[in-house]
Amino acid sequence: MLKPLLDRNEISCRQDGVELFLRPELQTSVGSLLNLLEKIGPVDRILLRMQKCSTAPMDFIVLSRTLSSALAITDLLTNDFLKKLATVESHQQQEGDYDANLREAAARYVAFFEKIVQDCCVSVLRDLEERITSIVDEAMTIEEKDTVS
């Protein structure tokens, strides 16, 4: 709200994205996406605590789980949403009701998801997640937290 989009193309792209999430054939995928988004932790606060050298052991677990969820989200966008869009597009071509407007909308939808995935820097997320999970023993950290509580 404080920084509204001013570029017509960006506004149109955002509207296409919202419209896309409302498509009936994507509702199961949208539900999965919402479940994954609920697992995203307060990364900004964790990073601030890291900067101040006042992190708690659970911060690393939350960060690891957040990175895992972020990777699952990018995988869902790539392997579920985009594949379903391709299937719908193929079905429309077979039915003969595939017109220029639908072709253009499909191209915009695909571009929307591809941009999101590109902006996520998947290789960086994967590297961070691998590094954190290799140094943090989640089971032991949770056990120690329960012991202290």
N, C-alpha and C. Protein backbone atom coordinates (compact mmCIF):
# COMPACT_ATOMS: atom_id res chain seq x y z
N MET A 1 0.82 -1.19 0.00
CA MET A 1 0.00 0.00 0.00
C MET A 1 0.87 1.26 0.00
N LEU A 2 2.05 1.15 0.61
CA LEU A 2 2.91 2.33 0.68
C LEU A 2 3.69 2.54 -0.62
N LYS A 3 3.85 1.49 -1.39
CA LYS A 3 4.59 1.58 -2.65
C LYS A 3 3.77 0.95 -3.78
N PRO A 4 2.72 1.64 -4.22
CA PRO A 4 1.87 1.06 -5.25
C PRO A 4 2.61 0.96 -6.59
N LEU A 5 2.22 -0.06 -7.35
CA LEU A 5 2.79 -0.20 -8.68
C LEU A 5 2.30 0.94 -9.55
N LEU A 6 3.19 1.45 -10.38
CA LEU A 6 2.82 2.55 -11.27
C LEU A 6 2.91 2.14 -12.74
N ASP A 7 3.70 1.10 -13.01
CA ASP A 7 3.90 0.64 -14.37
C ASP A 7 2.71 -0.21 -14.81
N ARG A 8 2.12 0.15 -15.93
CA ARG A 8 0.93 -0.55 -16.43
C ARG A 8 1.19 -2.03 -16.67
N ASN A 9 2.36 -2.37 -17.20
CA ASN A 9 2.69 -3.78 -17.46
C ASN A 9 2.81 -4.57 -16.16
N GLU A 10 3.43 -3.97 -15.15
CA GLU A 10 3.56 -4.65 -13.86
C GLU A 10 2.19 -4.85 -13.21
N ILE A 11 1.33 -3.86 -13.32
CA ILE A 11 -0.02 -3.98 -12.77
C ILE A 11 -0.78 -5.09 -13.49
N SER A 12 -0.67 -5.13 -14.79
CA SER A 12 -1.33 -6.17 -15.58
C SER A 12 -0.80 -7.56 -15.22
N CYS A 13 0.50 -7.67 -15.03
CA CYS A 13 1.12 -8.94 -14.65
C CYS A 13 0.61 -9.38 -13.28
N ARG A 14 0.51 -8.47 -12.34
CA ARG A 14 0.00 -8.79 -11.01
C ARG A 14 -1.46 -9.25 -11.09
N GLN A 15 -2.26 -8.57 -11.89
CA GLN A 15 -3.66 -8.97 -12.05
C GLN A 15 -3.76 -10.36 -12.68
N ASP A 16 -2.91 -10.64 -13.66
CA ASP A 16 -2.88 -11.97 -14.26
C ASP A 16 -2.54 -13.03 -13.21
N GLY A 17 -1.60 -12.70 -12.33
CA GLY A 17 -1.21 -13.63 -11.28
C GLY A 17 -2.34 -13.93 -10.34
N VAL A 18 -3.08 -12.92 -9.94
CA VAL A 18 -4.23 -13.12 -9.05
C VAL A 18 -5.29 -13.95 -9.77
N GLU A 19 -5.56 -13.61 -11.01
CA GLU A 19 -6.54 -14.36 -11.80
C GLU A 19 -6.14 -15.83 -11.93
N LEU A 20 -4.88 -16.04 -12.11
CA LEU A 20 -4.36 -17.40 -12.27
C LEU A 20 -4.61 -18.25 -11.03
N PHE A 21 -4.40 -17.68 -9.86
CA PHE A 21 -4.61 -18.43 -8.62
C PHE A 21 -6.09 -18.76 -8.38
N LEU A 22 -6.98 -18.11 -9.10
CA LEU A 22 -8.41 -18.36 -8.95
C LEU A 22 -8.94 -19.41 -9.93
N ARG A 23 -8.10 -19.87 -10.84
CA ARG A 23 -8.54 -20.86 -11.83
C ARG A 23 -8.92 -22.18 -11.13
N PRO A 24 -10.06 -22.75 -11.51
CA PRO A 24 -10.54 -23.98 -10.84
C PRO A 24 -9.56 -25.15 -10.91
N GLU A 25 -8.88 -25.32 -12.03
CA GLU A 25 -7.98 -26.47 -12.16
C GLU A 25 -6.72 -26.34 -11.29
N LEU A 26 -6.51 -25.17 -10.70
CA LEU A 26 -5.33 -24.96 -9.87
C LEU A 26 -5.64 -24.92 -8.37
N GLN A 27 -6.89 -25.14 -7.99
CA GLN A 27 -7.27 -24.97 -6.59
C GLN A 27 -6.57 -25.95 -5.64
N THR A 28 -6.35 -27.18 -6.07
CA THR A 28 -5.62 -28.13 -5.23
C THR A 28 -4.19 -27.64 -5.02
N SER A 29 -3.58 -27.16 -6.09
CA SER A 29 -2.21 -26.65 -6.01
C SER A 29 -2.14 -25.39 -5.14
N VAL A 30 -3.16 -24.56 -5.24
CA VAL A 30 -3.22 -23.35 -4.41
C VAL A 30 -3.29 -23.74 -2.94
N GLY A 31 -4.07 -24.77 -2.62
CA GLY A 31 -4.14 -25.25 -1.24
C GLY A 31 -2.78 -25.74 -0.75
N SER A 32 -2.07 -26.47 -1.59
CA SER A 32 -0.73 -26.93 -1.23
C SER A 32 0.21 -25.74 -1.02
N LEU A 33 0.09 -24.75 -1.88
CA LEU A 33 0.92 -23.55 -1.76
C LEU A 33 0.64 -22.83 -0.44
N LEU A 34 -0.62 -22.70 -0.08
CA LEU A 34 -0.97 -22.04 1.18
C LEU A 34 -0.41 -22.80 2.38
N ASN A 35 -0.46 -24.14 2.34
CA ASN A 35 0.11 -24.94 3.42
C ASN A 35 1.61 -24.70 3.55
N LEU A 36 2.30 -24.63 2.42
CA LEU A 36 3.74 -24.38 2.46
C LEU A 36 4.06 -22.97 2.96
N LEU A 37 3.24 -22.00 2.57
CA LEU A 37 3.47 -20.63 3.01
C LEU A 37 3.31 -20.49 4.53
N GLU A 38 2.45 -21.32 5.12
CA GLU A 38 2.27 -21.29 6.58
C GLU A 38 3.53 -21.74 7.32
N LYS A 39 4.39 -22.47 6.64
CA LYS A 39 5.60 -22.99 7.27
C LYS A 39 6.78 -22.03 7.16
N ILE A 40 6.56 -20.89 6.54
CA ILE A 40 7.62 -19.88 6.40
C ILE A 40 7.74 -19.13 7.73
N GLY A 41 8.94 -19.12 8.26
CA GLY A 41 9.19 -18.49 9.56
C GLY A 41 9.57 -17.02 9.43
N PRO A 42 9.75 -16.36 10.55
CA PRO A 42 10.09 -14.93 10.56
C PRO A 42 11.57 -14.69 10.25
N VAL A 43 11.93 -14.89 9.00
CA VAL A 43 13.34 -14.81 8.59
C VAL A 43 13.95 -13.45 8.93
N ASP A 44 13.19 -12.38 8.75
CA ASP A 44 13.72 -11.05 9.04
C ASP A 44 14.15 -10.93 10.50
N ARG A 45 13.34 -11.45 11.41
CA ARG A 45 13.69 -11.38 12.85
C ARG A 45 14.87 -12.29 13.18
N ILE A 46 14.91 -13.46 12.56
CA ILE A 46 16.03 -14.37 12.80
C ILE A 46 17.33 -13.75 12.32
N LEU A 47 17.31 -13.15 11.14
CA LEU A 47 18.52 -12.52 10.61
C LEU A 47 18.95 -11.34 11.49
N LEU A 48 17.99 -10.62 12.02
CA LEU A 48 18.31 -9.51 12.92
C LEU A 48 18.97 -10.04 14.19
N ARG A 49 18.45 -11.15 14.74
CA ARG A 49 19.07 -11.74 15.92
C ARG A 49 20.47 -12.26 15.60
N MET A 50 20.65 -12.81 14.40
CA MET A 50 21.99 -13.26 13.99
C MET A 50 22.95 -12.09 13.92
N GLN A 51 22.47 -10.99 13.38
CA GLN A 51 23.30 -9.80 13.27
C GLN A 51 23.72 -9.30 14.66
N LYS A 52 22.85 -9.46 15.62
CA LYS A 52 23.13 -9.02 16.99
C LYS A 52 23.79 -10.11 17.83
N CYS A 53 24.08 -11.25 17.20
CA CYS A 53 24.69 -12.40 17.89
C CYS A 53 23.85 -12.85 19.08
N SER A 54 22.54 -12.87 18.90
CA SER A 54 21.66 -13.29 19.99
C SER A 54 20.64 -14.33 19.51
N THR A 55 21.09 -15.24 18.68
CA THR A 55 20.18 -16.25 18.16
C THR A 55 19.95 -17.36 19.17
N ALA A 56 18.83 -18.00 19.04
CA ALA A 56 18.51 -19.18 19.83
C ALA A 56 18.69 -20.39 18.92
N PRO A 57 18.96 -21.55 19.49
CA PRO A 57 19.13 -22.75 18.65
C PRO A 57 17.94 -23.01 17.73
N MET A 58 16.74 -22.74 18.19
CA MET A 58 15.55 -22.97 17.35
C MET A 58 15.52 -22.06 16.13
N ASP A 59 16.21 -20.92 16.19
CA ASP A 59 16.26 -20.03 15.03
C ASP A 59 16.82 -20.75 13.81
N PHE A 60 17.82 -21.58 14.02
CA PHE A 60 18.44 -22.29 12.91
C PHE A 60 17.49 -23.36 12.36
N ILE A 61 16.73 -23.97 13.22
CA ILE A 61 15.74 -24.96 12.77
C ILE A 61 14.63 -24.27 11.97
N VAL A 62 14.15 -23.15 12.49
CA VAL A 62 13.12 -22.40 11.78
C VAL A 62 13.64 -21.94 10.43
N LEU A 63 14.87 -21.47 10.39
CA LEU A 63 15.47 -21.02 9.14
C LEU A 63 15.60 -22.19 8.17
N SER A 64 16.03 -23.33 8.66
CA SER A 64 16.16 -24.52 7.82
C SER A 64 14.81 -24.96 7.26
N ARG A 65 13.81 -24.98 8.11
CA ARG A 65 12.46 -25.37 7.67
C ARG A 65 11.89 -24.37 6.67
N THR A 66 12.19 -23.09 6.89
CA THR A 66 11.74 -22.06 5.98
C THR A 66 12.37 -22.24 4.60
N LEU A 67 13.67 -22.51 4.59
CA LEU A 67 14.34 -22.73 3.31
C LEU A 67 13.79 -23.97 2.62
N SER A 68 13.52 -25.03 3.37
CA SER A 68 12.93 -26.24 2.79
C SER A 68 11.55 -25.93 2.20
N SER A 69 10.77 -25.14 2.91
CA SER A 69 9.44 -24.77 2.40
C SER A 69 9.56 -23.90 1.15
N ALA A 70 10.50 -22.98 1.16
CA ALA A 70 10.70 -22.12 -0.01
C ALA A 70 11.09 -22.95 -1.23
N LEU A 71 11.95 -23.94 -1.03
CA LEU A 71 12.31 -24.82 -2.13
C LEU A 71 11.11 -25.64 -2.60
N ALA A 72 10.30 -26.10 -1.67
CA ALA A 72 9.10 -26.85 -2.04
C ALA A 72 8.12 -25.96 -2.82
N ILE A 73 8.06 -24.69 -2.46
CA ILE A 73 7.19 -23.75 -3.17
C ILE A 73 7.67 -23.58 -4.61
N THR A 74 8.97 -23.37 -4.79
CA THR A 74 9.48 -23.21 -6.16
C THR A 74 9.27 -24.49 -6.97
N ASP A 75 9.41 -25.64 -6.31
CA ASP A 75 9.17 -26.91 -6.98
C ASP A 75 7.69 -27.03 -7.38
N LEU A 76 6.80 -26.64 -6.49
CA LEU A 76 5.37 -26.67 -6.77
C LEU A 76 5.03 -25.76 -7.95
N LEU A 77 5.60 -24.57 -7.95
CA LEU A 77 5.33 -23.63 -9.05
C LEU A 77 5.84 -24.20 -10.37
N THR A 78 7.03 -24.78 -10.34
CA THR A 78 7.64 -25.28 -11.57
C THR A 78 6.98 -26.57 -12.04
N ASN A 79 6.81 -27.51 -11.14
CA ASN A 79 6.38 -28.85 -11.54
C ASN A 79 4.89 -29.10 -11.42
N ASP A 80 4.16 -28.20 -10.83
CA ASP A 80 2.72 -28.42 -10.69
C ASP A 80 1.94 -27.35 -11.44
N PHE A 81 2.12 -26.11 -11.04
CA PHE A 81 1.38 -25.03 -11.67
C PHE A 81 1.67 -24.95 -13.17
N LEU A 82 2.94 -24.92 -13.53
CA LEU A 82 3.29 -24.78 -14.94
C LEU A 82 2.85 -26.00 -15.75
N LYS A 83 2.96 -27.18 -15.19
CA LYS A 83 2.51 -28.38 -15.91
C LYS A 83 1.00 -28.39 -16.09
N LYS A 84 0.26 -27.95 -15.08
CA LYS A 84 -1.20 -27.90 -15.21
C LYS A 84 -1.60 -26.87 -16.25
N LEU A 85 -0.90 -25.75 -16.29
CA LEU A 85 -1.20 -24.74 -17.31
C LEU A 85 -0.93 -25.30 -18.71
N ALA A 86 0.15 -26.05 -18.85
CA ALA A 86 0.46 -26.66 -20.14
C ALA A 86 -0.62 -27.66 -20.54
N THR A 87 -1.13 -28.41 -19.57
CA THR A 87 -2.19 -29.39 -19.84
C THR A 87 -3.47 -28.69 -20.28
N VAL A 88 -3.83 -27.61 -19.59
CA VAL A 88 -5.02 -26.85 -19.96
C VAL A 88 -4.86 -26.28 -21.36
N GLU A 89 -3.68 -25.73 -21.64
CA GLU A 89 -3.41 -25.15 -22.95
C GLU A 89 -3.52 -26.23 -24.03
N SER A 90 -2.96 -27.40 -23.77
CA SER A 90 -3.01 -28.50 -24.73
C SER A 90 -4.45 -28.94 -24.95
N HIS A 91 -5.23 -29.02 -23.89
CA HIS A 91 -6.64 -29.43 -23.98
C HIS A 91 -7.42 -28.43 -24.83
N GLN A 92 -7.16 -27.15 -24.63
CA GLN A 92 -7.86 -26.13 -25.40
C GLN A 92 -7.51 -26.24 -26.88
N GLN A 93 -6.28 -26.55 -27.19
CA GLN A 93 -5.87 -26.72 -28.58
C GLN A 93 -6.60 -27.91 -29.20
N GLN A 94 -6.71 -29.01 -28.44
CA GLN A 94 -7.38 -30.20 -28.95
C GLN A 94 -8.87 -29.97 -29.16
N GLU A 95 -9.47 -29.16 -28.31
CA GLU A 95 -10.90 -28.88 -28.41
C GLU A 95 -11.20 -27.85 -29.50
N GLY A 96 -10.17 -27.20 -30.01
CA GLY A 96 -10.37 -26.22 -31.07
C GLY A 96 -10.85 -24.87 -30.60
N ASP A 97 -10.91 -24.65 -29.29
CA ASP A 97 -11.37 -23.35 -28.77
C ASP A 97 -10.19 -22.50 -28.30
N TYR A 98 -9.07 -22.72 -28.93
CA TYR A 98 -7.86 -22.01 -28.55
C TYR A 98 -7.70 -20.79 -29.44
N ASP A 99 -7.99 -19.62 -28.92
CA ASP A 99 -7.87 -18.42 -29.73
C ASP A 99 -6.67 -17.58 -29.29
N ALA A 100 -6.47 -16.49 -29.99
CA ALA A 100 -5.29 -15.64 -29.73
C ALA A 100 -5.31 -15.08 -28.32
N ASN A 101 -6.48 -14.73 -27.79
CA ASN A 101 -6.56 -14.18 -26.43
C ASN A 101 -6.12 -15.22 -25.39
N LEU A 102 -6.57 -16.46 -25.58
CA LEU A 102 -6.19 -17.53 -24.66
C LEU A 102 -4.69 -17.81 -24.76
N ARG A 103 -4.17 -17.79 -25.97
CA ARG A 103 -2.73 -18.03 -26.17
C ARG A 103 -1.92 -16.95 -25.46
N GLU A 104 -2.37 -15.71 -25.61
CA GLU A 104 -1.67 -14.60 -24.96
C GLU A 104 -1.76 -14.70 -23.43
N ALA A 105 -2.93 -15.05 -22.92
CA ALA A 105 -3.10 -15.21 -21.46
C ALA A 105 -2.21 -16.33 -20.95
N ALA A 106 -2.17 -17.45 -21.67
CA ALA A 106 -1.33 -18.57 -21.25
C ALA A 106 0.14 -18.17 -21.20
N ALA A 107 0.58 -17.42 -22.19
CA ALA A 107 1.97 -16.95 -22.21
C ALA A 107 2.25 -16.05 -21.02
N ARG A 108 1.30 -15.19 -20.67
CA ARG A 108 1.48 -14.29 -19.52
C ARG A 108 1.54 -15.09 -18.22
N TYR A 109 0.68 -16.10 -18.08
CA TYR A 109 0.67 -16.94 -16.88
C TYR A 109 2.01 -17.65 -16.70
N VAL A 110 2.49 -18.23 -17.78
CA VAL A 110 3.77 -18.94 -17.73
C VAL A 110 4.89 -17.96 -17.37
N ALA A 111 4.89 -16.79 -17.98
CA ALA A 111 5.92 -15.78 -17.68
C ALA A 111 5.84 -15.35 -16.22
N PHE A 112 4.64 -15.23 -15.68
CA PHE A 112 4.43 -14.85 -14.29
C PHE A 112 5.13 -15.84 -13.36
N PHE A 113 4.86 -17.14 -13.55
CA PHE A 113 5.46 -18.16 -12.69
C PHE A 113 6.97 -18.28 -12.91
N GLU A 114 7.40 -18.20 -14.15
CA GLU A 114 8.83 -18.30 -14.42
C GLU A 114 9.59 -17.16 -13.74
N LYS A 115 9.01 -15.96 -13.72
CA LYS A 115 9.66 -14.83 -13.06
C LYS A 115 9.75 -15.05 -11.55
N ILE A 116 8.68 -15.57 -10.96
CA ILE A 116 8.70 -15.84 -9.52
C ILE A 116 9.81 -16.83 -9.19
N VAL A 117 9.88 -17.91 -9.95
CA VAL A 117 10.89 -18.94 -9.70
C VAL A 117 12.29 -18.36 -9.90
N GLN A 118 12.46 -17.57 -10.95
CA GLN A 118 13.76 -16.94 -11.20
C GLN A 118 14.15 -16.01 -10.05
N ASP A 119 13.21 -15.23 -9.55
CA ASP A 119 13.48 -14.30 -8.46
C ASP A 119 13.82 -15.02 -7.15
N CYS A 120 13.42 -16.28 -7.04
CA CYS A 120 13.69 -17.05 -5.82
C CYS A 120 15.14 -17.52 -5.72
N CYS A 121 15.89 -17.45 -6.80
CA CYS A 121 17.29 -17.88 -6.79
C CYS A 121 17.41 -19.28 -6.17
N VAL A 122 16.79 -20.25 -6.82
CA VAL A 122 16.68 -21.60 -6.29
C VAL A 122 18.03 -22.19 -5.91
N SER A 123 19.05 -21.98 -6.72
CA SER A 123 20.36 -22.57 -6.41
C SER A 123 20.92 -22.01 -5.11
N VAL A 124 20.68 -20.74 -4.84
CA VAL A 124 21.15 -20.12 -3.60
C VAL A 124 20.36 -20.69 -2.41
N LEU A 125 19.04 -20.78 -2.57
CA LEU A 125 18.21 -21.36 -1.51
C LEU A 125 18.64 -22.79 -1.19
N ARG A 126 18.87 -23.56 -2.24
CA ARG A 126 19.26 -24.97 -2.05
C ARG A 126 20.61 -25.05 -1.33
N ASP A 127 21.55 -24.21 -1.73
CA ASP A 127 22.86 -24.21 -1.09
C ASP A 127 22.76 -23.84 0.39
N LEU A 128 21.99 -22.80 0.70
CA LEU A 128 21.81 -22.39 2.10
C LEU A 128 21.15 -23.49 2.91
N GLU A 129 20.12 -24.10 2.34
CA GLU A 129 19.42 -25.15 3.06
C GLU A 129 20.34 -26.34 3.33
N GLU A 130 21.15 -26.71 2.35
CA GLU A 130 22.09 -27.82 2.54
C GLU A 130 23.13 -27.50 3.61
N ARG A 131 23.61 -26.28 3.59
CA ARG A 131 24.62 -25.88 4.58
C ARG A 131 24.05 -25.90 5.99
N ILE A 132 22.86 -25.35 6.16
CA ILE A 132 22.26 -25.29 7.49
C ILE A 132 21.92 -26.68 7.99
N THR A 133 21.31 -27.51 7.13
CA THR A 133 20.94 -28.84 7.59
C THR A 133 22.16 -29.70 7.87
N SER A 134 23.29 -29.40 7.23
CA SER A 134 24.50 -30.20 7.49
C SER A 134 25.15 -29.85 8.83
N ILE A 135 24.87 -28.66 9.36
CA ILE A 135 25.51 -28.27 10.62
C ILE A 135 24.57 -28.27 11.82
N VAL A 136 23.27 -28.34 11.59
CA VAL A 136 22.32 -28.30 12.69
C VAL A 136 21.69 -29.68 12.86
N ASP A 137 21.79 -30.20 14.05
CA ASP A 137 21.14 -31.48 14.38
C ASP A 137 19.76 -31.14 14.95
N GLU A 138 18.76 -31.21 14.09
CA GLU A 138 17.41 -30.79 14.47
C GLU A 138 16.86 -31.59 15.65
N ALA A 139 17.02 -32.89 15.61
CA ALA A 139 16.48 -33.73 16.68
C ALA A 139 17.11 -33.39 18.02
N MET A 140 18.42 -33.20 18.03
CA MET A 140 19.11 -32.88 19.28
C MET A 140 18.72 -31.49 19.78
N THR A 141 18.59 -30.56 18.86
CA THR A 141 18.23 -29.19 19.24
C THR A 141 16.84 -29.17 19.86
N ILE A 142 15.90 -29.87 19.26
CA ILE A 142 14.55 -29.92 19.80
C ILE A 142 14.54 -30.63 21.16
N GLU A 143 15.32 -31.71 21.26
CA GLU A 143 15.41 -32.45 22.53
C GLU A 143 15.97 -31.55 23.63
N GLU A 144 17.02 -30.78 23.32
CA GLU A 144 17.62 -29.88 24.31
C GLU A 144 16.64 -28.79 24.71
N LYS A 145 15.87 -28.29 23.74
CA LYS A 145 14.88 -27.25 24.04
C LYS A 145 13.82 -27.80 24.99
N ASP A 146 13.37 -29.03 24.73
CA ASP A 146 12.36 -29.65 25.60
C ASP A 146 12.92 -29.91 26.99
N THR A 147 14.20 -30.25 27.09
CA THR A 147 14.84 -30.52 28.36
C THR A 147 14.95 -29.25 29.19
N VAL A 148 15.29 -28.13 28.50
CA VAL A 148 15.45 -26.86 29.20
C VAL A 148 14.11 -26.30 29.65
N SER A 149 13.07 -26.53 28.86
CA SER A 149 11.75 -25.94 29.18
C SER A 149 11.16 -26.48 30.41
